[in-house]
Amino acid sequence: VSLQDSRKLDDDRVVYLVTGSQGEPRAALSQLSSQSYKGLSIGDGDTVILSARIIPGNERAISRLIGEIYKRGASIIDEKRRLIHVSGHASQEDIRIMTEAVRPRFVIPVHGEYRMLYRHKEFLKNHCDFPEENIILIENGDVLELDGERATIIDKRDVGRTFIDDSGFEEINGEVVRERRQLAYDGVVTPVVTINQSGELEAPPEIVARGVLGLDGNGGSAGLLGEMQRVVADAVNVASREERR
């Protein structure tokens, strides 16, 4: 039945298979839990089946998703209550069936650690009679050339993370990223001093703080800022004329 026609059916006669069992924010289930999605919405009396176990690291996202579903008045069935877990990975039998159905010329195992890719290769070779020379194990950065007759790794490229500064859309190096990460935890305090041509203070020092709690100039921080300004002014006053310049 099409999605459009399904809206005409009674709720107890239709089941929707949607993505998002791990709480992915852009997946259909997440959108259904907080708003409508393509004209559909979760409401009172609905039942949501989470057919996958929680992947470590996704606990908070899934907990938030479950809370939103309950707010909609729906009930939830998960693998803790019923034996409903469905793996998102193919079993050996699935791999065999797919290989026999597709009959590929080359196979490139993907997704997973290298040991998993290796076991995939060994299974095809030993249980599906697939030619070992036509099973290619590649890693990140490998350049694979397909010419219709052969599949060959011909080069290796450097791969890694590329950081872009959103202010100028320019690439920034890892050292800058490390400094910014450190600032995110520790913050920075910068004294700004204006000195005239004669070497005297033109105005009281200004203290600029970024990422430091309690230095907003209100309450108890006003006294601290004043003390910092005094220390900076004293340092300028005892400095020689050459140092001030």
Protein backbone atom coordinates (compact mmCIF):
# COMPACT_ATOMS: atom_id res chain seq x y z
CA VAL A 1 0.00 0.00 0.00
CA SER A 2 1.29 3.47 -0.81
CA LEU A 3 1.98 6.03 1.88
CA GLN A 4 -0.86 8.18 0.59
CA ASP A 5 -3.36 5.31 0.64
CA SER A 6 -2.21 4.19 4.09
CA ARG A 7 -3.63 7.36 5.61
CA LYS A 8 -7.11 6.17 4.62
CA LEU A 9 -6.79 2.93 6.60
CA ASP A 10 -7.81 2.45 10.21
CA ASP A 11 -4.88 2.75 12.60
CA ASP A 12 -5.16 -0.89 13.67
CA ARG A 13 -4.73 -2.10 10.09
CA VAL A 14 -1.42 -0.50 9.16
CA VAL A 15 2.21 -0.84 10.25
CA TYR A 16 4.89 1.64 9.21
CA LEU A 17 8.54 0.59 8.93
CA VAL A 18 10.64 3.67 9.61
CA THR A 19 14.27 4.52 10.29
CA GLY A 20 15.68 5.87 13.53
CA SER A 21 15.88 3.15 16.19
CA GLN A 22 19.15 4.70 17.46
CA GLY A 23 17.67 8.15 17.99
CA GLU A 24 19.19 9.72 14.87
CA PRO A 25 17.83 13.29 14.81
CA ARG A 26 17.06 13.39 11.08
CA ALA A 27 15.54 9.91 10.91
CA ALA A 28 11.81 9.39 10.42
CA LEU A 29 11.10 8.11 13.93
CA SER A 30 12.76 11.10 15.60
CA GLN A 31 10.73 13.47 13.47
CA LEU A 32 7.54 11.52 14.14
CA SER A 33 8.20 11.72 17.88
CA SER A 34 8.38 15.51 17.89
CA GLN A 35 6.25 16.57 14.92
CA SER A 36 4.51 15.21 11.88
CA TYR A 37 6.47 13.51 9.12
CA LYS A 38 5.08 13.39 5.59
CA GLY A 39 1.59 13.79 6.96
CA LEU A 40 2.01 11.10 9.63
CA SER A 41 2.22 11.55 13.39
CA ILE A 42 2.35 9.45 16.55
CA GLY A 43 -0.69 9.71 18.81
CA ASP A 44 -2.70 8.12 21.61
CA GLY A 45 -3.12 4.38 21.23
CA ASP A 46 -0.21 3.91 18.84
CA THR A 47 2.46 1.29 19.50
CA VAL A 48 6.10 1.87 18.60
CA ILE A 49 8.39 -1.16 18.30
CA LEU A 50 12.10 -0.44 18.72
CA SER A 51 13.51 -3.50 17.00
CA ALA A 52 17.19 -2.92 17.72
CA ARG A 53 19.35 -2.94 20.81
CA ILE A 54 20.93 0.28 22.00
CA ILE A 55 24.33 0.83 20.42
CA PRO A 56 26.79 2.06 23.09
CA GLY A 57 27.09 5.81 22.83
CA ASN A 58 23.50 6.34 21.70
CA GLU A 59 21.91 6.02 25.15
CA ARG A 60 21.07 9.70 25.60
CA ALA A 61 19.61 10.12 22.12
CA ILE A 62 17.45 7.02 22.48
CA SER A 63 16.32 8.00 25.98
CA ARG A 64 15.26 11.38 24.61
CA LEU A 65 13.45 9.69 21.72
CA ILE A 66 11.55 7.35 24.05
CA GLY A 67 10.50 10.26 26.22
CA GLU A 68 9.09 12.14 23.23
CA ILE A 69 7.17 9.06 22.09
CA TYR A 70 5.60 8.66 25.52
CA LYS A 71 4.62 12.34 25.49
CA ARG A 72 2.63 11.57 22.35
CA GLY A 73 0.62 8.96 24.24
CA ALA A 74 2.03 5.92 22.46
CA SER A 75 3.26 2.70 24.05
CA ILE A 76 6.69 1.22 23.35
CA ILE A 77 7.88 -2.35 22.90
CA ASP A 78 11.64 -2.89 22.95
CA GLU A 79 14.07 -5.80 23.21
CA LYS A 80 14.02 -5.62 27.01
CA ARG A 81 10.37 -6.67 27.03
CA ARG A 82 10.15 -8.92 23.98
CA LEU A 83 12.55 -10.97 21.85
CA ILE A 84 12.27 -8.62 18.91
CA HIS A 85 15.86 -7.58 18.23
CA VAL A 86 16.72 -7.58 14.54
CA SER A 87 20.36 -7.20 13.56
CA GLY A 88 21.27 -4.56 11.05
CA HIS A 89 24.15 -6.71 9.82
CA ALA A 90 23.93 -9.60 7.39
CA SER A 91 24.46 -13.12 8.69
CA GLN A 92 26.68 -15.58 6.84
CA GLU A 93 23.60 -17.12 5.26
CA ASP A 94 22.44 -13.66 4.14
CA ILE A 95 25.85 -13.06 2.55
CA ARG A 96 25.72 -16.41 0.77
CA ILE A 97 22.21 -15.82 -0.58
CA MET A 98 23.07 -12.31 -1.78
CA THR A 99 26.29 -13.45 -3.44
CA GLU A 100 24.50 -16.25 -5.29
CA ALA A 101 21.69 -13.93 -6.35
CA VAL A 102 23.88 -11.07 -7.57
CA ARG A 103 26.79 -13.19 -8.88
CA PRO A 104 29.28 -10.30 -8.76
CA ARG A 105 32.58 -10.34 -10.63
CA PHE A 106 34.38 -8.65 -7.74
CA VAL A 107 33.56 -8.30 -4.05
CA ILE A 108 34.87 -5.53 -1.80
CA PRO A 109 33.90 -6.17 1.85
CA VAL A 110 33.00 -2.92 3.60
CA HIS A 111 31.78 -1.66 6.98
CA GLY A 112 33.49 -2.86 10.11
CA GLU A 113 36.96 -3.47 11.46
CA TYR A 114 39.60 -5.09 9.29
CA ARG A 115 39.20 -8.45 11.03
CA MET A 116 35.51 -8.44 10.04
CA LEU A 117 36.37 -7.67 6.43
CA TYR A 118 38.90 -10.49 6.48
CA ARG A 119 36.34 -12.97 7.82
CA HIS A 120 33.94 -11.85 5.08
CA LYS A 121 36.61 -12.66 2.52
CA GLU A 122 37.36 -16.05 4.08
CA PHE A 123 33.68 -16.97 4.12
CA LEU A 124 33.23 -16.15 0.44
CA LYS A 125 36.35 -18.09 -0.48
CA ASN A 126 35.66 -21.19 1.62
CA HIS A 127 31.88 -21.46 1.56
CA CYS A 128 30.78 -19.74 -1.65
CA ASP A 129 33.62 -20.90 -3.92
CA PHE A 130 34.35 -17.30 -4.83
CA PRO A 131 37.79 -16.68 -6.41
CA GLU A 132 40.12 -15.23 -3.80
CA GLU A 133 41.82 -12.97 -6.34
CA ASN A 134 38.47 -11.27 -6.99
CA ILE A 135 37.93 -10.37 -3.33
CA ILE A 136 39.67 -7.09 -2.57
CA LEU A 137 40.29 -5.82 0.93
CA ILE A 138 40.80 -2.07 0.95
CA GLU A 139 41.50 0.47 3.66
CA ASN A 140 40.85 4.19 3.97
CA GLY A 141 42.97 6.03 1.43
CA ASP A 142 43.36 3.14 -1.00
CA VAL A 143 42.68 4.05 -4.63
CA LEU A 144 40.91 1.19 -6.39
CA GLU A 145 40.88 1.03 -10.19
CA LEU A 146 38.18 -0.94 -12.02
CA ASP A 147 38.81 -1.44 -15.74
CA GLY A 148 36.13 -4.00 -16.54
CA GLU A 149 38.51 -6.93 -16.24
CA ARG A 150 40.44 -6.31 -13.04
CA ALA A 151 40.07 -4.52 -9.72
CA THR A 152 43.45 -3.27 -8.53
CA ILE A 153 44.68 -1.01 -5.75
CA ILE A 154 46.90 1.44 -7.62
CA ASP A 155 47.64 4.18 -5.10
CA LYS A 156 47.39 5.32 -1.50
CA ARG A 157 46.14 8.79 -0.53
CA ASP A 158 46.49 10.57 2.77
CA VAL A 159 43.15 10.75 4.53
CA GLY A 160 42.11 12.37 7.78
CA ARG A 161 40.11 15.19 9.25
CA THR A 162 39.89 18.59 7.63
CA PHE A 163 38.83 21.51 9.82
CA ILE A 164 37.21 24.57 8.27
CA ASP A 165 36.98 27.95 9.99
CA ASP A 166 33.35 29.04 9.63
CA SER A 167 34.28 32.74 9.64
CA GLY A 168 36.40 32.60 6.49
CA PHE A 169 35.77 29.05 5.27
CA GLU A 170 39.51 28.42 5.28
CA GLU A 171 41.24 25.24 6.36
CA ILE A 172 42.84 25.42 9.80
CA ASN A 173 45.56 23.15 11.10
CA GLY A 174 45.43 20.78 14.03
CA GLU A 175 47.43 23.08 16.32
CA VAL A 176 44.77 25.79 16.08
CA VAL A 177 42.07 23.23 16.82
CA ARG A 178 43.97 22.04 19.89
CA GLU A 179 44.31 25.63 21.12
CA ARG A 180 40.60 26.30 20.64
CA ARG A 181 39.72 23.09 22.44
CA GLN A 182 41.95 24.13 25.35
CA LEU A 183 40.30 27.54 25.44
CA ALA A 184 36.90 25.86 25.55
CA TYR A 185 37.90 24.26 28.86
CA ASP A 186 40.11 26.96 30.41
CA GLY A 187 39.08 30.25 28.79
CA VAL A 188 41.31 33.27 28.28
CA VAL A 189 41.71 36.65 29.99
CA THR A 190 43.31 39.48 27.99
CA PRO A 191 44.29 42.89 29.40
CA VAL A 192 43.94 45.74 26.89
CA VAL A 193 46.11 48.79 27.56
CA THR A 194 46.00 52.09 25.65
CA ILE A 195 49.18 54.19 25.93
CA ASN A 196 49.67 57.67 24.42
CA GLN A 197 52.75 58.97 22.63
CA SER A 198 54.37 60.06 25.88
CA GLY A 199 54.10 56.54 27.25
CA GLU A 200 51.36 57.29 29.77
CA LEU A 201 48.11 55.40 30.22
CA GLU A 202 45.44 56.98 28.05
CA ALA A 203 42.64 55.22 29.94
CA PRO A 204 42.25 52.61 32.67
CA PRO A 205 43.18 49.09 31.49
CA GLU A 206 40.34 47.02 30.08
CA ILE A 207 39.97 43.34 30.96
CA VAL A 208 38.47 41.12 28.25
CA ALA A 209 37.47 37.60 29.31
CA ARG A 210 36.28 34.76 27.08
CA GLY A 211 35.13 31.41 28.37
CA VAL A 212 35.70 32.36 32.03
CA LEU A 213 32.76 32.14 34.42
CA GLY A 214 32.20 34.86 36.99
CA LEU A 215 33.92 37.71 35.16
CA ASP A 216 30.87 39.52 33.81
CA GLY A 217 31.43 42.61 35.98
CA ASN A 218 28.37 41.96 38.14
CA GLY A 219 28.21 41.08 41.81
CA GLY A 220 31.45 39.86 43.34
CA SER A 221 33.25 39.84 40.00
CA ALA A 222 33.26 43.65 39.88
CA GLY A 223 35.81 43.76 42.69
CA LEU A 224 37.95 41.10 41.02
CA LEU A 225 37.93 42.97 37.72
CA GLY A 226 38.89 46.16 39.52
CA GLU A 227 41.80 44.40 41.21
CA MET A 228 42.96 42.99 37.86
CA GLN A 229 42.84 46.47 36.33
CA ARG A 230 44.91 47.85 39.24
CA VAL A 231 47.55 45.12 38.85
CA VAL A 232 47.84 45.81 35.12
CA ALA A 233 48.06 49.58 35.69
CA ASP A 234 50.78 49.11 38.31
CA ALA A 235 52.75 46.89 35.91
CA VAL A 236 52.56 49.59 33.24
CA ASN A 237 53.57 52.36 35.64
CA VAL A 238 56.72 50.57 36.83
CA ALA A 239 57.74 49.68 33.27
CA SER A 240 60.32 51.79 31.47
CA ARG A 241 59.34 54.09 28.63
CA GLU A 242 60.89 51.68 26.12
CA GLU A 243 58.95 48.74 27.57
CA ARG A 244 55.71 50.69 27.32
CA ARG A 245 56.31 51.30 23.65
